[in-house]
Amino acid sequence: MRLALYQPEIPQNTGTLMRLGACVGVGIDIIEPCGFIWDDARLKRAGMDYMDLANVKRHPSWEEFSSKIAPSRLILLDTKATLDYLDFKFQPSDILMVGQESDGVPHDVFNACPHRLKISMLSGVRSLNVAIAASMVLGEALRQTRKGASYDSNAAAKANLI
């Protein structure tokens, strides 16, 4: 499983998701251009010393990224989606993608994603922080597929984690 960030704009969110990926053994795809310079101190502060442990691939464009993802399924997390992530069956090779913090993804990218999921929220609210949303859906995807950095279901059961 991988997590893709489409043209991220906020270095703190990117650093947080890189840290998450490092901690749970999920690769991170960064689809450029980014809205910040790669050596931004805020990126490093959020990612801390986990940045060196993260499996990060940078892609210069959407076209380059999308040409290399087969046979994985691309799953877009978007507020305009109709299917709730809790009603979706994830697979270990899925790529979960989040859009830009300010605007999501363009229509052509939205339409190119065969699977689009939302997080159901209370009426009157717009959206969650992209790092929080990605973490929620990734957590469910990992729970379903039992894939993680060194996930051991026996140890988790003994610790009452599942």
C-alpha atoms as a PDB file:
ATOM      1  CA  MET A   1       0.000   0.000   0.000  1.00  0.00           C
ATOM      2  CA  ARG A   2       1.115   3.548  -0.743  1.00  0.00           C
ATOM      3  CA  LEU A   3      -0.066   7.070  -0.029  1.00  0.00           C
ATOM      4  CA  ALA A   4       0.107   9.675  -2.811  1.00  0.00           C
ATOM      5  CA  LEU A   5       0.028  13.439  -2.288  1.00  0.00           C
ATOM      6  CA  TYR A   6      -1.106  15.410  -5.334  1.00  0.00           C
ATOM      7  CA  GLN A   7       0.798  18.707  -5.538  1.00  0.00           C
ATOM      8  CA  PRO A   8       0.888  19.286  -1.768  1.00  0.00           C
ATOM      9  CA  GLU A   9       0.913  22.918  -0.670  1.00  0.00           C
ATOM     10  CA  ILE A  10       1.563  22.782   3.066  1.00  0.00           C
ATOM     11  CA  PRO A  11       4.946  21.407   4.157  1.00  0.00           C
ATOM     12  CA  GLN A  12       3.703  20.498   7.638  1.00  0.00           C
ATOM     13  CA  ASN A  13       1.045  18.170   6.193  1.00  0.00           C
ATOM     14  CA  THR A  14       3.578  16.559   3.866  1.00  0.00           C
ATOM     15  CA  GLY A  15       6.067  16.068   6.691  1.00  0.00           C
ATOM     16  CA  THR A  16       3.361  14.612   8.926  1.00  0.00           C
ATOM     17  CA  LEU A  17       2.307  12.125   6.238  1.00  0.00           C
ATOM     18  CA  MET A  18       5.928  11.171   5.547  1.00  0.00           C
ATOM     19  CA  ARG A  19       6.343  10.479   9.264  1.00  0.00           C
ATOM     20  CA  LEU A  20       3.143   8.412   9.239  1.00  0.00           C
ATOM     21  CA  GLY A  21       4.393   6.419   6.250  1.00  0.00           C
ATOM     22  CA  ALA A  22       7.731   5.771   7.952  1.00  0.00           C
ATOM     23  CA  CYS A  23       6.033   4.607  11.140  1.00  0.00           C
ATOM     24  CA  VAL A  24       3.557   2.206   9.513  1.00  0.00           C
ATOM     25  CA  GLY A  25       5.674   1.037   6.567  1.00  0.00           C
ATOM     26  CA  VAL A  26       3.684   2.731   3.810  1.00  0.00           C
ATOM     27  CA  GLY A  27       5.466   4.354   0.877  1.00  0.00           C
ATOM     28  CA  ILE A  28       4.744   7.966  -0.026  1.00  0.00           C
ATOM     29  CA  ASP A  29       4.412   9.317  -3.567  1.00  0.00           C
ATOM     30  CA  ILE A  30       4.787  13.077  -3.988  1.00  0.00           C
ATOM     31  CA  ILE A  31       3.242  14.316  -7.242  1.00  0.00           C
ATOM     32  CA  GLU A  32       4.896  17.628  -8.026  1.00  0.00           C
ATOM     33  CA  PRO A  33       5.004  20.523  -8.245  1.00  0.00           C
ATOM     34  CA  CYS A  34       4.837  21.175  -4.515  1.00  0.00           C
ATOM     35  CA  GLY A  35       3.749  24.507  -3.083  1.00  0.00           C
ATOM     36  CA  PHE A  36       6.945  24.741  -1.014  1.00  0.00           C
ATOM     37  CA  ILE A  37      10.636  24.103  -1.447  1.00  0.00           C
ATOM     38  CA  TRP A  38      11.737  20.590  -0.608  1.00  0.00           C
ATOM     39  CA  ASP A  39      14.197  21.649   2.103  1.00  0.00           C
ATOM     40  CA  ASP A  40      11.599  23.778   3.940  1.00  0.00           C
ATOM     41  CA  ALA A  41      12.255  23.783   7.692  1.00  0.00           C
ATOM     42  CA  ARG A  42       8.532  23.241   8.376  1.00  0.00           C
ATOM     43  CA  LEU A  43       8.618  20.004   6.357  1.00  0.00           C
ATOM     44  CA  LYS A  44      11.589  18.763   8.362  1.00  0.00           C
ATOM     45  CA  ARG A  45      10.062  19.832  11.687  1.00  0.00           C
ATOM     46  CA  ALA A  46       6.844  17.896  11.021  1.00  0.00           C
ATOM     47  CA  GLY A  47       8.669  14.834   9.672  1.00  0.00           C
ATOM     48  CA  MET A  48      11.323  14.971  12.396  1.00  0.00           C
ATOM     49  CA  ASP A  49      13.973  12.269  12.235  1.00  0.00           C
ATOM     50  CA  TYR A  50      11.491   9.916  10.553  1.00  0.00           C
ATOM     51  CA  MET A  51      12.063  11.580   7.183  1.00  0.00           C
ATOM     52  CA  ASP A  52      15.162   9.454   6.627  1.00  0.00           C
ATOM     53  CA  LEU A  53      13.092   6.316   7.270  1.00  0.00           C
ATOM     54  CA  ALA A  54      10.289   7.240   4.868  1.00  0.00           C
ATOM     55  CA  ASN A  55      10.056   5.498   1.495  1.00  0.00           C
ATOM     56  CA  VAL A  56       9.385   8.573  -0.651  1.00  0.00           C
ATOM     57  CA  LYS A  57       9.175   8.739  -4.431  1.00  0.00           C
ATOM     58  CA  ARG A  58       8.916  12.136  -6.069  1.00  0.00           C
ATOM     59  CA  HIS A  59       7.161  12.355  -9.439  1.00  0.00           C
ATOM     60  CA  PRO A  60       7.600  15.462 -11.620  1.00  0.00           C
ATOM     61  CA  SER A  61       3.991  15.388 -12.861  1.00  0.00           C
ATOM     62  CA  TRP A  62       0.594  13.707 -12.675  1.00  0.00           C
ATOM     63  CA  GLU A  63       1.203  12.162 -16.106  1.00  0.00           C
ATOM     64  CA  GLU A  64       4.473  10.574 -15.019  1.00  0.00           C
ATOM     65  CA  PHE A  65       2.966   9.258 -11.779  1.00  0.00           C
ATOM     66  CA  SER A  66      -0.199   7.876 -13.378  1.00  0.00           C
ATOM     67  CA  SER A  67       1.781   6.098 -16.090  1.00  0.00           C
ATOM     68  CA  LYS A  68       3.645   4.036 -13.473  1.00  0.00           C
ATOM     69  CA  ILE A  69       0.983   2.898 -11.010  1.00  0.00           C
ATOM     70  CA  ALA A  70      -0.378  -0.225 -12.754  1.00  0.00           C
ATOM     71  CA  PRO A  71      -1.356  -2.786 -11.541  1.00  0.00           C
ATOM     72  CA  SER A  72      -2.230  -0.925  -8.318  1.00  0.00           C
ATOM     73  CA  ARG A  73      -5.681   0.583  -7.819  1.00  0.00           C
ATOM     74  CA  LEU A  74      -5.741   4.348  -7.421  1.00  0.00           C
ATOM     75  CA  ILE A  75      -8.161   5.513  -4.747  1.00  0.00           C
ATOM     76  CA  LEU A  76      -8.827   9.232  -4.439  1.00  0.00           C
ATOM     77  CA  LEU A  77      -9.964  10.698  -1.123  1.00  0.00           C
ATOM     78  CA  ASP A  78     -12.155  13.674  -1.982  1.00  0.00           C
ATOM     79  CA  THR A  79     -15.045  15.592  -0.447  1.00  0.00           C
ATOM     80  CA  LYS A  80     -16.913  15.357  -3.784  1.00  0.00           C
ATOM     81  CA  ALA A  81     -16.896  11.536  -3.762  1.00  0.00           C
ATOM     82  CA  THR A  82     -20.108   9.668  -3.010  1.00  0.00           C
ATOM     83  CA  LEU A  83     -18.850   6.398  -1.472  1.00  0.00           C
ATOM     84  CA  ASP A  84     -17.844   6.432   2.188  1.00  0.00           C
ATOM     85  CA  TYR A  85     -14.409   4.933   2.913  1.00  0.00           C
ATOM     86  CA  LEU A  86     -15.952   2.667   5.564  1.00  0.00           C
ATOM     87  CA  ASP A  87     -17.991   0.958   2.826  1.00  0.00           C
ATOM     88  CA  PHE A  88     -14.968   0.183   0.629  1.00  0.00           C
ATOM     89  CA  LYS A  89     -12.921  -3.010   0.487  1.00  0.00           C
ATOM     90  CA  PHE A  90      -9.237  -2.133   0.324  1.00  0.00           C
ATOM     91  CA  GLN A  91      -6.485  -4.271  -1.196  1.00  0.00           C
ATOM     92  CA  PRO A  92      -2.844  -4.429  -0.064  1.00  0.00           C
ATOM     93  CA  SER A  93      -1.557  -2.908  -3.317  1.00  0.00           C
ATOM     94  CA  ASP A  94      -3.880   0.131  -3.272  1.00  0.00           C
ATOM     95  CA  ILE A  95      -2.575   3.676  -3.642  1.00  0.00           C
ATOM     96  CA  LEU A  96      -4.547   6.180  -1.573  1.00  0.00           C
ATOM     97  CA  MET A  97      -4.302   9.693  -2.997  1.00  0.00           C
ATOM     98  CA  VAL A  98      -5.131  13.050  -1.426  1.00  0.00           C
ATOM     99  CA  GLY A  99      -5.360  16.323  -3.316  1.00  0.00           C
ATOM    100  CA  GLN A 100      -4.146  19.821  -2.643  1.00  0.00           C
ATOM    101  CA  GLU A 101      -5.151  21.299   0.670  1.00  0.00           C
ATOM    102  CA  SER A 102      -6.834  24.298  -0.973  1.00  0.00           C
ATOM    103  CA  ASP A 103      -8.537  22.756  -3.981  1.00  0.00           C
ATOM    104  CA  GLY A 104      -8.333  18.955  -4.113  1.00  0.00           C
ATOM    105  CA  VAL A 105      -7.520  17.709  -7.614  1.00  0.00           C
ATOM    106  CA  PRO A 106      -8.499  19.052 -11.044  1.00  0.00           C
ATOM    107  CA  HIS A 107     -11.525  17.550 -12.814  1.00  0.00           C
ATOM    108  CA  ASP A 108      -9.384  15.492 -15.213  1.00  0.00           C
ATOM    109  CA  VAL A 109      -7.496  13.882 -12.310  1.00  0.00           C
ATOM    110  CA  PHE A 110     -10.757  13.323 -10.407  1.00  0.00           C
ATOM    111  CA  ASN A 111     -12.254  11.602 -13.461  1.00  0.00           C
ATOM    112  CA  ALA A 112      -9.092   9.527 -14.010  1.00  0.00           C
ATOM    113  CA  CYS A 113      -9.443   7.944 -10.561  1.00  0.00           C
ATOM    114  CA  PRO A 114     -11.704   4.895 -10.813  1.00  0.00           C
ATOM    115  CA  HIS A 115     -12.251   4.760  -7.050  1.00  0.00           C
ATOM    116  CA  ARG A 116     -13.246   7.912  -5.150  1.00  0.00           C
ATOM    117  CA  LEU A 117     -13.979   7.901  -1.436  1.00  0.00           C
ATOM    118  CA  LYS A 118     -15.182  10.407   1.110  1.00  0.00           C
ATOM    119  CA  ILE A 119     -15.247  10.654   4.861  1.00  0.00           C
ATOM    120  CA  SER A 120     -18.828  11.252   5.952  1.00  0.00           C
ATOM    121  CA  MET A 121     -19.046  14.314   8.180  1.00  0.00           C
ATOM    122  CA  LEU A 122     -21.704  16.322   9.949  1.00  0.00           C
ATOM    123  CA  SER A 123     -23.660  18.724   7.771  1.00  0.00           C
ATOM    124  CA  GLY A 124     -22.396  22.277   7.722  1.00  0.00           C
ATOM    125  CA  VAL A 125     -18.689  21.406   7.772  1.00  0.00           C
ATOM    126  CA  ARG A 126     -16.452  21.524   4.685  1.00  0.00           C
ATOM    127  CA  SER A 127     -13.503  19.239   5.178  1.00  0.00           C
ATOM    128  CA  LEU A 128     -10.858  17.747   7.426  1.00  0.00           C
ATOM    129  CA  ASN A 129      -7.172  18.555   7.357  1.00  0.00           C
ATOM    130  CA  VAL A 130      -5.644  16.476   4.552  1.00  0.00           C
ATOM    131  CA  ALA A 131      -3.159  14.750   6.886  1.00  0.00           C
ATOM    132  CA  ILE A 132      -5.933  13.767   9.286  1.00  0.00           C
ATOM    133  CA  ALA A 133      -8.166  12.533   6.457  1.00  0.00           C
ATOM    134  CA  ALA A 134      -5.350  10.490   4.914  1.00  0.00           C
ATOM    135  CA  SER A 135      -4.502   9.017   8.330  1.00  0.00           C
ATOM    136  CA  MET A 136      -8.090   7.963   8.978  1.00  0.00           C
ATOM    137  CA  VAL A 137      -8.517   6.228   5.643  1.00  0.00           C
ATOM    138  CA  LEU A 138      -5.056   4.684   5.698  1.00  0.00           C
ATOM    139  CA  GLY A 139      -5.788   3.304   9.166  1.00  0.00           C
ATOM    140  CA  GLU A 140      -8.942   1.605   7.893  1.00  0.00           C
ATOM    141  CA  ALA A 141      -7.143   0.299   4.809  1.00  0.00           C
ATOM    142  CA  LEU A 142      -4.369  -1.179   6.951  1.00  0.00           C
ATOM    143  CA  ARG A 143      -6.904  -2.645   9.370  1.00  0.00           C
ATOM    144  CA  GLN A 144      -8.648  -4.397   6.492  1.00  0.00           C
ATOM    145  CA  THR A 145      -5.502  -5.669   4.817  1.00  0.00           C
ATOM    146  CA  ARG A 146      -3.423  -6.249   7.950  1.00  0.00           C
ATOM    147  CA  LYS A 147      -0.415  -4.659   6.317  1.00  0.00           C
ATOM    148  CA  GLY A 148       1.934  -2.475   8.306  1.00  0.00           C
ATOM    149  CA  ALA A 149       5.616  -1.974   9.001  1.00  0.00           C
ATOM    150  CA  SER A 150       6.034  -4.949  11.301  1.00  0.00           C
ATOM    151  CA  TYR A 151       2.423  -5.760  11.946  1.00  0.00           C
ATOM    152  CA  ASP A 152       2.053  -8.965  13.918  1.00  0.00           C
ATOM    153  CA  SER A 153      -1.601  -9.922  14.462  1.00  0.00           C
ATOM    154  CA  ASN A 154      -0.679 -12.364  17.247  1.00  0.00           C
ATOM    155  CA  ALA A 155       1.234  -9.691  19.157  1.00  0.00           C
ATOM    156  CA  ALA A 156      -1.572  -7.195  18.554  1.00  0.00           C
ATOM    157  CA  ALA A 157      -4.162  -9.647  19.841  1.00  0.00           C
ATOM    158  CA  LYS A 158      -2.097 -10.319  22.948  1.00  0.00           C
ATOM    159  CA  ALA A 159      -1.854  -6.578  23.563  1.00  0.00           C
ATOM    160  CA  ASN A 160      -5.617  -6.214  23.034  1.00  0.00           C
ATOM    161  CA  LEU A 161      -5.030  -3.979  20.046  1.00  0.00           C
ATOM    162  CA  ILE A 162      -7.506  -5.835  17.843  1.00  0.00           C
END
